[in-house]
């Protein structure tokens, strides 16, 4: 019984960490996508050329 209680606590903690990790991945992916599209627009705009 004690082991199952401990496992349930660990599962709850892992679920929270999983949600946080997924949110971080989504945010970083969106930032990377926005950054790459911004770079494409700057390069296409030819501000540096």
N, C-alpha and C. Protein backbone atom coordinates (compact mmCIF):
# COMPACT_ATOMS: atom_id res chain seq x y z
N UNK A 1 0.84 -1.20 0.00
CA UNK A 1 0.00 0.00 0.00
C UNK A 1 0.88 1.25 0.00
N UNK A 2 1.95 1.21 0.81
CA UNK A 2 2.82 2.39 0.89
C UNK A 2 3.46 2.67 -0.46
N UNK A 3 3.89 1.60 -1.14
CA UNK A 3 4.57 1.77 -2.43
C UNK A 3 3.61 2.41 -3.44
N UNK A 4 2.34 1.97 -3.43
CA UNK A 4 1.39 2.53 -4.40
C UNK A 4 1.17 4.01 -4.10
N UNK A 5 1.10 4.37 -2.82
CA UNK A 5 0.93 5.79 -2.48
C UNK A 5 2.09 6.59 -3.05
N UNK A 6 3.29 6.06 -2.87
CA UNK A 6 4.48 6.77 -3.35
C UNK A 6 4.42 6.88 -4.88
N UNK A 7 4.02 5.81 -5.55
CA UNK A 7 3.94 5.84 -7.01
C UNK A 7 2.92 6.88 -7.47
N UNK A 8 1.80 6.97 -6.78
CA UNK A 8 0.79 7.95 -7.16
C UNK A 8 1.35 9.36 -7.04
N UNK A 9 2.10 9.62 -5.97
CA UNK A 9 2.70 10.95 -5.79
C UNK A 9 3.66 11.23 -6.94
N UNK A 10 4.49 10.24 -7.27
CA UNK A 10 5.46 10.43 -8.35
C UNK A 10 4.74 10.67 -9.67
N UNK A 11 3.66 9.92 -9.91
CA UNK A 11 2.92 10.08 -11.16
C UNK A 11 2.36 11.50 -11.25
N UNK A 12 1.82 12.00 -10.14
CA UNK A 12 1.27 13.35 -10.14
C UNK A 12 2.36 14.36 -10.45
N UNK A 13 3.52 14.20 -9.81
CA UNK A 13 4.63 15.12 -10.07
C UNK A 13 5.07 15.04 -11.51
N UNK A 14 5.18 13.81 -12.04
CA UNK A 14 5.61 13.65 -13.43
C UNK A 14 4.59 14.28 -14.38
N UNK A 15 3.30 14.17 -14.06
CA UNK A 15 2.28 14.75 -14.94
C UNK A 15 2.48 16.26 -15.00
N UNK A 16 2.71 16.89 -13.85
CA UNK A 16 2.93 18.34 -13.82
C UNK A 16 4.17 18.69 -14.63
N UNK A 17 5.25 17.92 -14.43
CA UNK A 17 6.49 18.20 -15.17
C UNK A 17 6.27 17.98 -16.67
N UNK A 18 5.50 16.93 -17.02
CA UNK A 18 5.24 16.66 -18.44
C UNK A 18 4.51 17.85 -19.06
N UNK A 19 3.51 18.38 -18.37
CA UNK A 19 2.75 19.52 -18.90
C UNK A 19 3.68 20.72 -19.07
N UNK A 20 4.54 20.96 -18.07
CA UNK A 20 5.46 22.10 -18.15
C UNK A 20 6.44 21.91 -19.30
N UNK A 21 6.95 20.70 -19.46
CA UNK A 21 7.92 20.44 -20.53
C UNK A 21 7.25 20.62 -21.90
N UNK A 22 6.02 20.12 -22.05
CA UNK A 22 5.31 20.27 -23.33
C UNK A 22 5.07 21.75 -23.61
N UNK A 23 4.67 22.51 -22.58
CA UNK A 23 4.42 23.94 -22.77
C UNK A 23 5.71 24.64 -23.19
N UNK A 24 6.84 24.28 -22.55
CA UNK A 24 8.12 24.89 -22.91
C UNK A 24 8.48 24.55 -24.35
N UNK A 25 8.26 23.29 -24.74
CA UNK A 25 8.58 22.88 -26.11
C UNK A 25 7.73 23.67 -27.11
N UNK A 26 6.44 23.81 -26.82
CA UNK A 26 5.55 24.53 -27.74
C UNK A 26 5.98 26.00 -27.84
N UNK A 27 6.29 26.61 -26.70
CA UNK A 27 6.69 28.03 -26.70
C UNK A 27 7.99 28.20 -27.47
N UNK A 28 8.98 27.33 -27.20
CA UNK A 28 10.26 27.46 -27.90
C UNK A 28 10.08 27.22 -29.40
N UNK A 29 9.21 26.28 -29.76
CA UNK A 29 8.97 26.01 -31.18
C UNK A 29 8.33 27.22 -31.86
N UNK A 30 7.35 27.83 -31.18
CA UNK A 30 6.70 29.02 -31.75
C UNK A 30 7.71 30.15 -31.88
N UNK A 31 8.55 30.35 -30.86
CA UNK A 31 9.56 31.41 -30.93
C UNK A 31 10.50 31.15 -32.09
N UNK A 32 10.95 29.91 -32.25
CA UNK A 32 11.87 29.57 -33.35
C UNK A 32 11.19 29.81 -34.70
N UNK A 33 9.91 29.43 -34.81
CA UNK A 33 9.18 29.62 -36.07
C UNK A 33 9.05 31.11 -36.38
N UNK A 34 8.68 31.90 -35.38
CA UNK A 34 8.56 33.35 -35.58
C UNK A 34 9.91 33.94 -35.95
N UNK A 35 10.97 33.52 -35.27
CA UNK A 35 12.31 34.05 -35.55
C UNK A 35 12.75 33.70 -36.96
N UNK A 36 12.52 32.46 -37.37
CA UNK A 36 12.94 32.04 -38.72
C UNK A 36 12.14 32.81 -39.78
N UNK A 37 10.85 33.00 -39.56
CA UNK A 37 10.04 33.74 -40.54
C UNK A 37 10.48 35.20 -40.58
N UNK A 38 10.84 35.76 -39.41
CA UNK A 38 11.32 37.14 -39.36
C UNK A 38 12.63 37.26 -40.13
N UNK A 39 13.53 36.29 -39.95
CA UNK A 39 14.80 36.29 -40.68
C UNK A 39 14.53 36.21 -42.18
N UNK A 40 13.60 35.37 -42.58
CA UNK A 40 13.28 35.24 -44.01
C UNK A 40 12.78 36.59 -44.55
N UNK A 41 11.94 37.27 -43.79
CA UNK A 41 11.40 38.55 -44.26
C UNK A 41 12.52 39.58 -44.36
N UNK A 42 13.44 39.58 -43.40
CA UNK A 42 14.56 40.54 -43.43
C UNK A 42 15.46 40.25 -44.63
N UNK A 43 15.78 38.96 -44.84
CA UNK A 43 16.65 38.60 -45.97
C UNK A 43 15.95 38.93 -47.29
N UNK A 44 14.67 38.63 -47.38
CA UNK A 44 13.93 38.90 -48.62
C UNK A 44 13.81 40.41 -48.83
N UNK A 45 13.62 41.15 -47.72
CA UNK A 45 13.49 42.60 -47.83
C UNK A 45 14.78 43.23 -48.34
N UNK A 46 15.91 42.60 -48.07
CA UNK A 46 17.18 43.10 -48.57
C UNK A 46 17.61 44.36 -47.84
N UNK A 47 17.35 44.45 -46.51
CA UNK A 47 17.76 45.63 -45.76
C UNK A 47 19.29 45.73 -45.71
N UNK A 48 19.96 44.56 -45.63
CA UNK A 48 21.42 44.57 -45.49
C UNK A 48 22.12 44.70 -46.84
N UNK A 49 21.43 44.36 -47.93
CA UNK A 49 22.11 44.39 -49.23
C UNK A 49 22.18 45.80 -49.81
